[in-house]
N, C-alpha and C. Protein backbone atom coordinates (compact mmCIF):
# COMPACT_ATOMS: atom_id res chain seq x y z
N UNK A 1 7.71 149.83 68.44
CA UNK A 1 7.82 150.58 69.68
C UNK A 1 9.25 150.60 70.18
N UNK A 2 10.02 149.53 69.91
CA UNK A 2 11.40 149.49 70.36
C UNK A 2 12.20 150.61 69.73
N UNK A 3 11.92 150.89 68.43
CA UNK A 3 12.65 151.96 67.75
C UNK A 3 12.33 153.30 68.37
N UNK A 4 11.05 153.51 68.72
CA UNK A 4 10.65 154.78 69.33
C UNK A 4 11.28 154.93 70.70
N UNK A 5 11.27 153.83 71.47
CA UNK A 5 11.87 153.89 72.79
C UNK A 5 13.35 154.20 72.69
N UNK A 6 14.01 153.59 71.72
CA UNK A 6 15.43 153.86 71.50
C UNK A 6 15.65 155.31 71.17
N UNK A 7 14.75 155.86 70.32
CA UNK A 7 14.87 157.26 69.95
C UNK A 7 14.71 158.15 71.16
N UNK A 8 13.73 157.83 72.01
CA UNK A 8 13.49 158.64 73.20
C UNK A 8 14.70 158.60 74.13
N UNK A 9 15.31 157.41 74.27
CA UNK A 9 16.50 157.30 75.10
C UNK A 9 17.64 158.10 74.51
N UNK A 10 17.76 158.05 73.20
CA UNK A 10 18.83 158.78 72.55
C UNK A 10 18.67 160.27 72.74
N UNK A 11 17.44 160.76 72.64
CA UNK A 11 17.19 162.19 72.85
C UNK A 11 17.47 162.55 74.29
N UNK A 12 17.07 161.65 75.22
CA UNK A 12 17.36 161.91 76.62
C UNK A 12 18.85 162.06 76.84
N UNK A 13 19.63 161.24 76.17
CA UNK A 13 21.09 161.34 76.28
C UNK A 13 21.58 162.66 75.72
N UNK A 14 20.94 163.11 74.64
CA UNK A 14 21.34 164.35 74.02
C UNK A 14 21.06 165.53 74.92
N UNK A 15 20.00 165.41 75.74
CA UNK A 15 19.60 166.52 76.58
C UNK A 15 20.33 166.53 77.91
N UNK A 16 20.70 165.37 78.42
CA UNK A 16 21.28 165.30 79.75
C UNK A 16 22.74 164.89 79.76
N UNK A 17 23.24 164.39 78.65
CA UNK A 17 24.57 163.82 78.66
C UNK A 17 25.66 164.74 78.14
N UNK A 18 25.30 165.96 77.70
CA UNK A 18 26.31 166.84 77.10
C UNK A 18 27.35 167.25 78.12
N UNK A 19 26.91 167.58 79.36
CA UNK A 19 27.88 168.02 80.36
C UNK A 19 28.76 166.86 80.79
N UNK A 20 28.18 165.67 80.84
CA UNK A 20 28.98 164.51 81.23
C UNK A 20 30.07 164.22 80.20
N UNK A 21 29.74 164.47 78.92
CA UNK A 21 30.71 164.15 77.87
C UNK A 21 31.98 164.96 78.03
N UNK A 22 31.85 166.17 78.58
CA UNK A 22 33.02 167.03 78.70
C UNK A 22 33.96 166.53 79.79
N UNK A 23 33.39 165.81 80.79
CA UNK A 23 34.22 165.39 81.91
C UNK A 23 34.42 163.88 81.95
N UNK A 24 33.97 163.19 80.92
CA UNK A 24 34.08 161.74 80.92
C UNK A 24 34.84 161.29 79.69
N UNK A 25 35.44 160.14 79.80
CA UNK A 25 36.19 159.61 78.67
C UNK A 25 35.29 158.89 77.68
N UNK A 26 33.99 158.67 78.04
CA UNK A 26 33.09 157.96 77.15
C UNK A 26 32.76 158.84 75.95
N UNK A 27 32.49 158.21 74.83
CA UNK A 27 32.20 158.92 73.58
C UNK A 27 30.70 159.16 73.46
N UNK A 28 30.31 160.40 73.25
CA UNK A 28 28.90 160.75 73.10
C UNK A 28 28.50 160.61 71.62
N UNK A 29 27.41 159.86 71.37
CA UNK A 29 26.90 159.68 70.01
C UNK A 29 25.56 160.40 69.91
N UNK A 30 25.51 161.42 69.08
CA UNK A 30 24.28 162.21 68.94
C UNK A 30 23.20 161.39 68.26
N UNK A 31 21.93 161.59 68.64
CA UNK A 31 20.84 160.88 67.97
C UNK A 31 20.75 161.27 66.51
N UNK A 32 20.34 160.36 65.67
CA UNK A 32 20.18 160.64 64.25
C UNK A 32 18.93 161.48 64.03
N UNK A 33 18.79 162.02 62.82
CA UNK A 33 17.62 162.81 62.48
C UNK A 33 16.35 161.96 62.56
N UNK A 34 16.46 160.71 62.13
CA UNK A 34 15.31 159.80 62.19
C UNK A 34 14.90 159.55 63.64
N UNK A 35 15.88 159.36 64.52
CA UNK A 35 15.57 159.14 65.93
C UNK A 35 14.93 160.36 66.56
N UNK A 36 15.40 161.55 66.19
CA UNK A 36 14.80 162.77 66.72
C UNK A 36 13.36 162.92 66.24
N UNK A 37 13.11 162.62 64.95
CA UNK A 37 11.75 162.69 64.42
C UNK A 37 10.85 161.69 65.13
N UNK A 38 11.34 160.46 65.34
CA UNK A 38 10.56 159.45 66.05
C UNK A 38 10.23 159.92 67.47
N UNK A 39 11.19 160.58 68.12
CA UNK A 39 10.97 161.08 69.48
C UNK A 39 9.90 162.17 69.49
N UNK A 40 9.91 163.04 68.46
CA UNK A 40 8.89 164.09 68.38
C UNK A 40 7.51 163.49 68.18
N UNK A 41 7.41 162.50 67.32
CA UNK A 41 6.12 161.82 67.09
C UNK A 41 5.67 161.11 68.35
N UNK A 42 6.61 160.43 69.01
CA UNK A 42 6.28 159.71 70.24
C UNK A 42 5.78 160.67 71.31
N UNK A 43 6.39 161.86 71.40
CA UNK A 43 5.93 162.85 72.37
C UNK A 43 4.47 163.24 72.10
N UNK A 44 4.16 163.51 70.85
CA UNK A 44 2.80 163.94 70.52
C UNK A 44 1.78 162.84 70.80
N UNK A 45 2.19 161.60 70.63
CA UNK A 45 1.27 160.48 70.85
C UNK A 45 1.15 160.09 72.32
N UNK A 46 2.21 160.29 73.11
CA UNK A 46 2.19 159.79 74.49
C UNK A 46 2.47 160.86 75.53
N UNK A 47 2.99 162.03 75.11
CA UNK A 47 3.33 163.07 76.07
C UNK A 47 4.64 162.82 76.79
N UNK A 48 5.47 161.91 76.27
CA UNK A 48 6.73 161.55 76.92
C UNK A 48 7.91 162.22 76.22
N UNK A 49 8.74 162.92 77.00
CA UNK A 49 9.92 163.55 76.43
C UNK A 49 9.89 165.06 76.56
N UNK A 50 10.97 165.71 76.14
CA UNK A 50 11.10 167.17 76.16
C UNK A 50 10.96 167.67 74.73
N UNK A 51 9.74 168.03 74.35
CA UNK A 51 9.48 168.37 72.95
C UNK A 51 10.23 169.62 72.51
N UNK A 52 10.41 170.60 73.41
CA UNK A 52 11.12 171.82 73.02
C UNK A 52 12.58 171.52 72.65
N UNK A 53 13.22 170.69 73.45
CA UNK A 53 14.61 170.33 73.17
C UNK A 53 14.70 169.48 71.89
N UNK A 54 13.73 168.59 71.71
CA UNK A 54 13.73 167.76 70.51
C UNK A 54 13.59 168.61 69.26
N UNK A 55 12.62 169.54 69.28
CA UNK A 55 12.41 170.39 68.11
C UNK A 55 13.60 171.31 67.86
N UNK A 56 14.24 171.75 68.93
CA UNK A 56 15.43 172.60 68.76
C UNK A 56 16.54 171.83 68.07
N UNK A 57 16.75 170.58 68.50
CA UNK A 57 17.78 169.76 67.86
C UNK A 57 17.45 169.51 66.40
N UNK A 58 16.17 169.26 66.11
CA UNK A 58 15.76 169.05 64.71
C UNK A 58 15.99 170.31 63.88
N UNK A 59 15.62 171.46 64.41
CA UNK A 59 15.77 172.71 63.65
C UNK A 59 17.22 173.04 63.36
N UNK A 60 18.12 172.65 64.26
CA UNK A 60 19.54 172.96 64.10
C UNK A 60 20.24 171.99 63.17
N UNK A 61 19.77 170.73 63.09
CA UNK A 61 20.52 169.71 62.38
C UNK A 61 19.77 169.03 61.25
N UNK A 62 18.41 169.05 61.32
CA UNK A 62 17.63 168.17 60.42
C UNK A 62 16.46 168.94 59.83
N UNK A 63 16.71 169.73 58.81
CA UNK A 63 15.67 170.59 58.24
C UNK A 63 14.47 169.79 57.75
N UNK A 64 14.71 168.73 57.02
CA UNK A 64 13.61 167.93 56.46
C UNK A 64 12.75 167.32 57.57
N UNK A 65 13.38 166.67 58.54
CA UNK A 65 12.64 166.03 59.63
C UNK A 65 11.95 167.07 60.51
N UNK A 66 12.56 168.23 60.64
CA UNK A 66 11.94 169.30 61.44
C UNK A 66 10.62 169.75 60.80
N UNK A 67 10.61 169.89 59.48
CA UNK A 67 9.39 170.31 58.80
C UNK A 67 8.30 169.24 58.91
N UNK A 68 8.69 167.96 58.82
CA UNK A 68 7.72 166.88 58.98
C UNK A 68 7.13 166.91 60.38
N UNK A 69 8.00 167.07 61.39
CA UNK A 69 7.54 167.08 62.78
C UNK A 69 6.60 168.24 63.06
N UNK A 70 6.95 169.44 62.60
CA UNK A 70 6.10 170.61 62.88
C UNK A 70 4.79 170.53 62.11
N UNK A 71 4.82 170.00 60.89
CA UNK A 71 3.57 169.81 60.13
C UNK A 71 2.66 168.82 60.86
N UNK A 72 3.25 167.74 61.34
CA UNK A 72 2.47 166.71 62.05
C UNK A 72 1.88 167.28 63.34
N UNK A 73 2.71 167.90 64.15
CA UNK A 73 2.26 168.39 65.46
C UNK A 73 1.21 169.48 65.32
N UNK A 74 1.40 170.38 64.34
CA UNK A 74 0.46 171.50 64.20
C UNK A 74 -0.92 171.07 63.76
N UNK A 75 -1.06 169.83 63.26
CA UNK A 75 -2.37 169.37 62.80
C UNK A 75 -2.94 168.27 63.70
N UNK A 76 -2.37 168.12 64.89
CA UNK A 76 -2.95 167.18 65.88
C UNK A 76 -3.61 167.97 67.00
N UNK A 77 -4.18 169.10 66.66
CA UNK A 77 -4.81 169.97 67.64
C UNK A 77 -6.29 170.09 67.30
N UNK A 78 -7.13 169.85 68.30
CA UNK A 78 -8.57 169.99 68.10
C UNK A 78 -8.90 171.48 67.94
N UNK A 79 -9.86 171.78 67.09
CA UNK A 79 -10.28 173.17 66.90
C UNK A 79 -11.36 173.29 65.86
N UNK A 80 -11.94 174.48 65.77
CA UNK A 80 -13.04 174.70 64.83
C UNK A 80 -12.59 174.63 63.38
N UNK A 81 -11.27 174.83 63.13
CA UNK A 81 -10.80 174.90 61.76
C UNK A 81 -9.91 173.71 61.39
N UNK A 82 -10.03 172.63 62.14
CA UNK A 82 -9.22 171.46 61.83
C UNK A 82 -9.67 170.83 60.52
N UNK A 83 -8.70 170.44 59.68
CA UNK A 83 -9.00 169.84 58.37
C UNK A 83 -8.98 168.32 58.51
N UNK A 84 -10.08 167.67 58.11
CA UNK A 84 -10.18 166.21 58.23
C UNK A 84 -9.76 165.47 56.96
N UNK A 85 -9.62 166.17 55.85
CA UNK A 85 -9.30 165.54 54.58
C UNK A 85 -7.79 165.54 54.36
N UNK A 86 -7.22 164.34 54.16
CA UNK A 86 -5.79 164.25 53.88
C UNK A 86 -5.45 164.94 52.56
N UNK A 87 -6.38 164.85 51.58
CA UNK A 87 -6.14 165.51 50.29
C UNK A 87 -6.00 167.02 50.45
N UNK A 88 -6.87 167.59 51.30
CA UNK A 88 -6.80 169.04 51.53
C UNK A 88 -5.49 169.43 52.18
N UNK A 89 -5.03 168.62 53.14
CA UNK A 89 -3.77 168.92 53.80
C UNK A 89 -2.63 168.93 52.80
N UNK A 90 -2.61 167.96 51.90
CA UNK A 90 -1.58 167.94 50.85
C UNK A 90 -1.69 169.18 49.97
N UNK A 91 -2.94 169.58 49.67
CA UNK A 91 -3.15 170.77 48.84
C UNK A 91 -2.66 172.05 49.50
N UNK A 92 -2.66 172.07 50.84
CA UNK A 92 -2.17 173.24 51.57
C UNK A 92 -0.65 173.18 51.80
N UNK A 93 -0.01 172.18 51.24
CA UNK A 93 1.44 172.10 51.32
C UNK A 93 1.99 171.36 52.53
N UNK A 94 1.14 170.63 53.24
CA UNK A 94 1.63 169.82 54.37
C UNK A 94 2.46 168.67 53.83
N UNK A 95 3.60 168.42 54.44
CA UNK A 95 4.51 167.41 53.95
C UNK A 95 3.81 166.04 53.87
N UNK A 96 4.01 165.30 52.75
CA UNK A 96 3.37 163.98 52.60
C UNK A 96 3.66 163.04 53.76
N UNK A 97 4.91 163.08 54.29
CA UNK A 97 5.25 162.20 55.41
C UNK A 97 4.40 162.52 56.63
N UNK A 98 4.16 163.83 56.85
CA UNK A 98 3.33 164.24 57.98
C UNK A 98 1.88 163.83 57.77
N UNK A 99 1.40 163.96 56.54
CA UNK A 99 0.02 163.56 56.23
C UNK A 99 -0.17 162.07 56.49
N UNK A 100 0.80 161.26 56.12
CA UNK A 100 0.70 159.82 56.35
C UNK A 100 0.65 159.52 57.85
N UNK A 101 1.43 160.22 58.64
CA UNK A 101 1.38 160.04 60.09
C UNK A 101 0.01 160.45 60.64
N UNK A 102 -0.52 161.55 60.13
CA UNK A 102 -1.84 162.01 60.56
C UNK A 102 -2.92 161.00 60.18
N UNK A 103 -2.77 160.39 59.00
CA UNK A 103 -3.73 159.37 58.57
C UNK A 103 -3.65 158.15 59.49
N UNK A 104 -2.44 157.75 59.84
CA UNK A 104 -2.27 156.60 60.72
C UNK A 104 -2.93 156.84 62.08
N UNK A 105 -2.86 158.07 62.56
CA UNK A 105 -3.45 158.42 63.85
C UNK A 105 -4.90 158.87 63.74
N UNK A 106 -5.48 158.74 62.51
CA UNK A 106 -6.89 159.04 62.26
C UNK A 106 -7.24 160.52 62.45
N UNK A 107 -6.26 161.40 62.22
CA UNK A 107 -6.55 162.83 62.22
C UNK A 107 -7.07 163.28 60.87
N UNK A 108 -6.83 162.50 59.82
CA UNK A 108 -7.37 162.82 58.50
C UNK A 108 -7.59 161.51 57.76
N UNK A 109 -8.31 161.57 56.64
CA UNK A 109 -8.57 160.36 55.86
C UNK A 109 -8.63 160.72 54.39
N UNK A 110 -8.38 159.72 53.56
CA UNK A 110 -8.39 159.89 52.12
C UNK A 110 -9.70 159.40 51.52
N UNK A 111 -10.15 160.07 50.49
CA UNK A 111 -11.23 159.61 49.62
C UNK A 111 -12.33 158.84 50.27
N UNK A 112 -12.41 157.55 49.93
CA UNK A 112 -13.50 156.70 50.40
C UNK A 112 -13.48 156.56 51.92
N UNK A 113 -12.29 156.67 52.53
CA UNK A 113 -12.21 156.61 53.99
C UNK A 113 -13.00 157.76 54.61
N UNK A 114 -12.91 158.94 53.96
CA UNK A 114 -13.55 160.12 54.51
C UNK A 114 -15.06 160.04 54.42
N UNK A 115 -15.58 159.24 53.49
CA UNK A 115 -17.02 159.19 53.30
C UNK A 115 -17.64 157.95 53.93
N UNK A 116 -16.82 157.16 54.62
CA UNK A 116 -17.34 155.96 55.27
C UNK A 116 -18.37 156.34 56.31
N UNK A 117 -19.49 155.63 56.35
CA UNK A 117 -20.56 155.94 57.29
C UNK A 117 -20.11 155.57 58.70
N UNK A 118 -20.31 156.50 59.64
CA UNK A 118 -19.96 156.25 61.03
C UNK A 118 -21.02 155.37 61.67
N UNK A 119 -20.63 154.32 62.39
CA UNK A 119 -21.62 153.45 63.02
C UNK A 119 -22.50 154.22 63.99
N UNK A 120 -23.75 153.79 64.11
CA UNK A 120 -24.65 154.37 65.10
C UNK A 120 -24.50 153.58 66.39
N UNK A 121 -23.82 154.14 67.37
CA UNK A 121 -23.62 153.45 68.64
C UNK A 121 -24.87 153.57 69.49
N UNK A 122 -25.09 152.65 70.40
CA UNK A 122 -26.29 152.69 71.24
C UNK A 122 -26.42 154.02 71.99
N UNK A 123 -27.54 154.70 71.77
CA UNK A 123 -27.82 155.99 72.42
C UNK A 123 -26.71 157.00 72.15
N UNK A 124 -26.15 156.94 70.95
CA UNK A 124 -25.10 157.88 70.58
C UNK A 124 -23.78 157.50 71.23
N UNK A 125 -22.87 158.45 71.30
CA UNK A 125 -21.57 158.16 71.91
C UNK A 125 -20.45 158.32 70.91
N UNK A 126 -19.24 158.37 71.42
CA UNK A 126 -18.03 158.53 70.61
C UNK A 126 -17.50 157.16 70.23
N UNK A 127 -17.17 156.98 68.95
CA UNK A 127 -16.62 155.72 68.50
C UNK A 127 -15.24 155.46 69.08
N UNK A 128 -14.94 154.20 69.35
CA UNK A 128 -13.65 153.82 69.91
C UNK A 128 -12.48 154.32 69.08
N UNK A 129 -12.67 154.36 67.73
CA UNK A 129 -11.58 154.77 66.84
C UNK A 129 -11.42 156.27 66.76
N UNK A 130 -12.28 157.03 67.41
CA UNK A 130 -12.15 158.49 67.47
C UNK A 130 -11.63 158.96 68.81
N UNK A 131 -11.54 158.06 69.77
CA UNK A 131 -11.28 158.43 71.15
C UNK A 131 -9.94 159.13 71.34
N UNK A 132 -8.88 158.67 70.66
CA UNK A 132 -7.55 159.25 70.89
C UNK A 132 -7.52 160.73 70.53
N UNK A 133 -8.39 161.15 69.63
CA UNK A 133 -8.44 162.56 69.25
C UNK A 133 -9.07 163.42 70.34
N UNK A 134 -9.65 162.78 71.35
CA UNK A 134 -10.34 163.51 72.43
C UNK A 134 -9.67 163.25 73.78
N UNK A 135 -8.39 162.92 73.74
CA UNK A 135 -7.64 162.68 74.97
C UNK A 135 -7.71 163.89 75.89
N UNK A 136 -7.94 163.63 77.19
CA UNK A 136 -8.04 164.70 78.16
C UNK A 136 -9.45 165.20 78.40
N UNK A 137 -10.43 164.66 77.67
CA UNK A 137 -11.81 165.07 77.85
C UNK A 137 -12.65 163.89 78.35
N UNK A 138 -13.80 164.22 78.94
CA UNK A 138 -14.72 163.19 79.42
C UNK A 138 -15.72 162.89 78.30
N UNK A 139 -15.81 161.63 77.93
CA UNK A 139 -16.67 161.21 76.83
C UNK A 139 -17.33 159.88 77.15
N UNK A 140 -18.40 159.59 76.42
CA UNK A 140 -19.00 158.26 76.45
C UNK A 140 -18.50 157.55 75.20
N UNK A 141 -17.69 156.51 75.38
CA UNK A 141 -17.02 155.81 74.28
C UNK A 141 -17.68 154.44 74.09
N UNK A 142 -17.88 154.06 72.82
CA UNK A 142 -18.49 152.77 72.50
C UNK A 142 -17.64 152.02 71.47
N UNK A 143 -17.73 150.70 71.51
CA UNK A 143 -17.04 149.89 70.52
C UNK A 143 -17.34 148.41 70.71
N UNK A 144 -17.09 147.60 69.67
CA UNK A 144 -17.35 146.16 69.75
C UNK A 144 -16.30 145.47 70.62
N UNK A 145 -16.76 144.57 71.47
CA UNK A 145 -15.85 143.85 72.36
C UNK A 145 -14.88 142.99 71.56
N UNK A 146 -13.60 143.10 71.87
CA UNK A 146 -12.58 142.25 71.30
C UNK A 146 -12.05 141.24 72.31
N UNK A 147 -11.88 141.68 73.56
CA UNK A 147 -11.43 140.76 74.60
C UNK A 147 -11.64 141.38 75.97
N UNK A 148 -11.75 140.52 76.96
CA UNK A 148 -11.79 140.94 78.37
C UNK A 148 -10.68 140.17 79.07
N UNK A 149 -9.59 140.87 79.37
CA UNK A 149 -8.39 140.20 79.88
C UNK A 149 -8.22 140.47 81.37
N UNK A 150 -8.10 139.41 82.16
CA UNK A 150 -7.87 139.51 83.59
C UNK A 150 -6.39 139.33 83.88
N UNK A 151 -5.85 140.23 84.71
CA UNK A 151 -4.46 140.13 85.14
C UNK A 151 -4.42 140.30 86.65
N UNK A 152 -3.24 140.26 87.21
CA UNK A 152 -3.09 140.47 88.65
C UNK A 152 -3.49 141.89 89.03
N UNK A 153 -3.49 142.81 88.07
CA UNK A 153 -3.82 144.21 88.34
C UNK A 153 -5.31 144.51 88.21
N UNK A 154 -6.06 143.63 87.56
CA UNK A 154 -7.48 143.90 87.35
C UNK A 154 -7.93 143.39 85.99
N UNK A 155 -8.96 144.04 85.43
CA UNK A 155 -9.55 143.60 84.17
C UNK A 155 -9.39 144.68 83.11
N UNK A 156 -9.01 144.26 81.91
CA UNK A 156 -8.81 145.17 80.78
C UNK A 156 -9.79 144.77 79.67
N UNK A 157 -10.72 145.67 79.35
CA UNK A 157 -11.72 145.41 78.32
C UNK A 157 -11.29 146.13 77.05
N UNK A 158 -10.92 145.37 76.02
CA UNK A 158 -10.45 145.94 74.76
C UNK A 158 -11.57 145.95 73.73
N UNK A 159 -11.77 147.09 73.09
CA UNK A 159 -12.80 147.21 72.06
C UNK A 159 -12.18 147.72 70.76
N UNK A 160 -12.83 147.39 69.64
CA UNK A 160 -12.37 147.86 68.33
C UNK A 160 -11.21 147.07 67.77
N UNK A 161 -10.13 146.99 68.51
CA UNK A 161 -8.96 146.18 68.18
C UNK A 161 -8.53 145.46 69.45
N UNK A 162 -7.88 144.32 69.30
CA UNK A 162 -7.47 143.57 70.48
C UNK A 162 -6.03 143.87 70.85
N UNK A 163 -5.68 143.61 72.09
CA UNK A 163 -4.29 143.66 72.54
C UNK A 163 -3.46 142.69 71.71
N UNK A 164 -2.28 143.07 71.23
CA UNK A 164 -1.49 144.25 71.61
C UNK A 164 -1.58 145.42 70.64
N UNK A 165 -2.57 145.46 69.77
CA UNK A 165 -2.66 146.56 68.82
C UNK A 165 -2.75 147.91 69.53
N UNK A 166 -1.92 148.86 69.11
CA UNK A 166 -1.94 150.19 69.72
C UNK A 166 -3.17 150.99 69.29
N UNK A 167 -3.92 150.48 68.31
CA UNK A 167 -5.12 151.17 67.85
C UNK A 167 -6.34 150.87 68.71
N UNK A 168 -6.21 149.94 69.65
CA UNK A 168 -7.36 149.53 70.45
C UNK A 168 -7.79 150.64 71.42
N UNK A 169 -9.01 150.48 71.97
CA UNK A 169 -9.43 151.32 73.10
C UNK A 169 -9.67 150.37 74.27
N UNK A 170 -9.22 150.78 75.46
CA UNK A 170 -9.27 149.88 76.62
C UNK A 170 -9.97 150.54 77.80
N UNK A 171 -10.98 149.83 78.33
CA UNK A 171 -11.59 150.20 79.61
C UNK A 171 -10.86 149.43 80.70
N UNK A 172 -10.40 150.13 81.74
CA UNK A 172 -9.58 149.50 82.78
C UNK A 172 -10.33 149.50 84.11
N UNK A 173 -10.36 148.33 84.75
CA UNK A 173 -10.92 148.18 86.08
C UNK A 173 -9.80 147.69 87.00
N UNK A 174 -9.16 148.60 87.72
CA UNK A 174 -8.06 148.21 88.59
C UNK A 174 -8.59 147.40 89.77
N UNK A 175 -7.93 146.29 90.05
CA UNK A 175 -8.24 145.42 91.20
C UNK A 175 -9.69 144.95 91.21
N UNK A 176 -10.28 144.82 90.03
CA UNK A 176 -11.66 144.34 89.93
C UNK A 176 -11.76 143.29 88.83
N UNK A 177 -12.69 142.35 89.03
CA UNK A 177 -12.91 141.28 88.05
C UNK A 177 -14.39 141.21 87.74
N UNK A 178 -14.70 141.16 86.45
CA UNK A 178 -16.08 141.27 85.99
C UNK A 178 -16.66 139.91 85.63
N UNK A 179 -17.99 139.86 85.62
CA UNK A 179 -18.65 138.67 85.12
C UNK A 179 -18.40 138.56 83.62
N UNK A 180 -18.57 137.35 83.09
CA UNK A 180 -18.31 137.12 81.68
C UNK A 180 -19.20 138.00 80.81
N UNK A 181 -18.59 138.60 79.77
CA UNK A 181 -19.30 139.47 78.84
C UNK A 181 -19.50 138.72 77.53
N UNK A 182 -20.70 138.72 76.95
CA UNK A 182 -20.93 138.04 75.67
C UNK A 182 -19.97 138.55 74.60
N UNK A 183 -19.45 137.63 73.80
CA UNK A 183 -18.42 137.99 72.81
C UNK A 183 -18.94 138.92 71.72
N UNK A 184 -20.26 138.94 71.50
CA UNK A 184 -20.81 139.79 70.43
C UNK A 184 -21.33 141.12 70.97
N UNK A 185 -20.94 141.49 72.17
CA UNK A 185 -21.47 142.69 72.81
C UNK A 185 -20.82 143.97 72.26
N UNK A 186 -21.60 145.05 72.33
CA UNK A 186 -21.08 146.40 72.13
C UNK A 186 -20.90 147.00 73.51
N UNK A 187 -19.73 147.54 73.78
CA UNK A 187 -19.39 148.06 75.10
C UNK A 187 -19.36 149.58 75.06
N UNK A 188 -19.96 150.22 76.05
CA UNK A 188 -19.90 151.67 76.19
C UNK A 188 -19.56 152.02 77.62
N UNK A 189 -18.88 153.14 77.80
CA UNK A 189 -18.55 153.61 79.14
C UNK A 189 -18.21 155.07 79.11
N UNK A 190 -18.46 155.77 80.22
CA UNK A 190 -18.19 157.20 80.31
C UNK A 190 -17.06 157.47 81.29
N UNK A 191 -16.14 158.35 80.89
CA UNK A 191 -15.04 158.72 81.75
C UNK A 191 -14.05 159.58 80.98
N UNK A 192 -12.92 159.86 81.61
CA UNK A 192 -11.89 160.69 80.97
C UNK A 192 -10.99 159.80 80.11
N UNK A 193 -10.78 160.22 78.88
CA UNK A 193 -9.90 159.50 77.95
C UNK A 193 -8.47 159.99 78.16
N UNK A 194 -7.54 159.07 78.19
CA UNK A 194 -6.14 159.47 78.22
C UNK A 194 -5.32 158.46 77.41
N UNK A 195 -4.12 158.85 77.06
CA UNK A 195 -3.23 158.00 76.27
C UNK A 195 -2.12 157.45 77.16
N UNK A 196 -1.86 156.16 77.02
CA UNK A 196 -0.75 155.53 77.72
C UNK A 196 0.02 154.68 76.73
N UNK A 197 1.27 155.05 76.48
CA UNK A 197 2.09 154.36 75.47
C UNK A 197 1.37 154.31 74.13
N UNK A 198 0.67 155.39 73.81
CA UNK A 198 -0.01 155.50 72.52
C UNK A 198 -1.38 154.85 72.46
N UNK A 199 -1.81 154.20 73.53
CA UNK A 199 -3.11 153.52 73.55
C UNK A 199 -4.14 154.41 74.25
N UNK A 200 -5.30 154.61 73.61
CA UNK A 200 -6.38 155.37 74.23
C UNK A 200 -7.10 154.48 75.23
N UNK A 201 -7.32 154.99 76.43
CA UNK A 201 -7.96 154.17 77.44
C UNK A 201 -8.72 155.02 78.45
N UNK A 202 -9.47 154.33 79.32
CA UNK A 202 -10.33 155.00 80.30
C UNK A 202 -10.38 154.12 81.55
N UNK A 203 -10.17 154.72 82.71
CA UNK A 203 -10.27 153.99 83.96
C UNK A 203 -11.71 154.05 84.47
N UNK A 204 -12.26 152.90 84.82
CA UNK A 204 -13.63 152.79 85.32
C UNK A 204 -13.60 152.40 86.79
N UNK A 205 -14.44 153.03 87.60
CA UNK A 205 -14.45 152.78 89.03
C UNK A 205 -15.53 151.80 89.46
N UNK A 206 -16.54 151.60 88.62
CA UNK A 206 -17.70 150.79 88.99
C UNK A 206 -18.08 149.86 87.84
N UNK A 207 -17.98 148.56 88.01
CA UNK A 207 -18.35 147.63 86.93
C UNK A 207 -19.78 147.84 86.44
N UNK A 208 -20.67 148.30 87.32
CA UNK A 208 -22.07 148.51 86.93
C UNK A 208 -22.21 149.66 85.94
N UNK A 209 -21.20 150.52 85.85
CA UNK A 209 -21.25 151.65 84.92
C UNK A 209 -20.88 151.25 83.50
N UNK A 210 -20.35 150.03 83.32
CA UNK A 210 -20.01 149.56 81.99
C UNK A 210 -21.28 149.09 81.28
N UNK A 211 -21.58 149.70 80.15
CA UNK A 211 -22.79 149.36 79.41
C UNK A 211 -22.49 148.20 78.45
N UNK A 212 -23.35 147.20 78.49
CA UNK A 212 -23.19 146.03 77.61
C UNK A 212 -24.44 145.94 76.74
N UNK A 213 -24.25 146.15 75.43
CA UNK A 213 -25.36 146.15 74.48
C UNK A 213 -25.22 144.96 73.54
N UNK A 214 -26.36 144.38 73.14
CA UNK A 214 -26.33 143.26 72.19
C UNK A 214 -27.41 143.46 71.13
């Protein structure tokens, strides 16, 4: 994450520091192609940054990274014709680097991964590992409890993966503290999914709305 943050800062400097460079004695260092690509990926995962300026810089200076970024971004869109097979994406000429990024973010899968049986969650529901693909929509999300962490801000219920993994899904109860949850529980909850620093999460207003299945 430090590398991505550095890339985002570097791009920010590229976008806002050009006029300062003309009137200042400080030396302006342009972001590298790798930093620009990281910033484009970070934008798609978190919504942070100026994607138009980033892509423009890539197109002008970094042909290879620009193609990877556009291939990646163009296939992170929900739709009736979205391709779930990484092999098919490669067959259609999508850059291998972009396919690997899509695989990491679970937009596509290879071979045996694609045929893995999806768990049957209690009374249906969206799996925790699919939630990031549905950011911005209201869903009922389910997953195995990994931890229930209390902080000064409230309670964070992590399912599927534990903190600090960015692959986890987190139910958030601001300024609320819950009774102890059995460690072998399956947790479900309904609300709007959103991404924060690349983590899929959902804010819950009522502890009673959190479903605990065993």
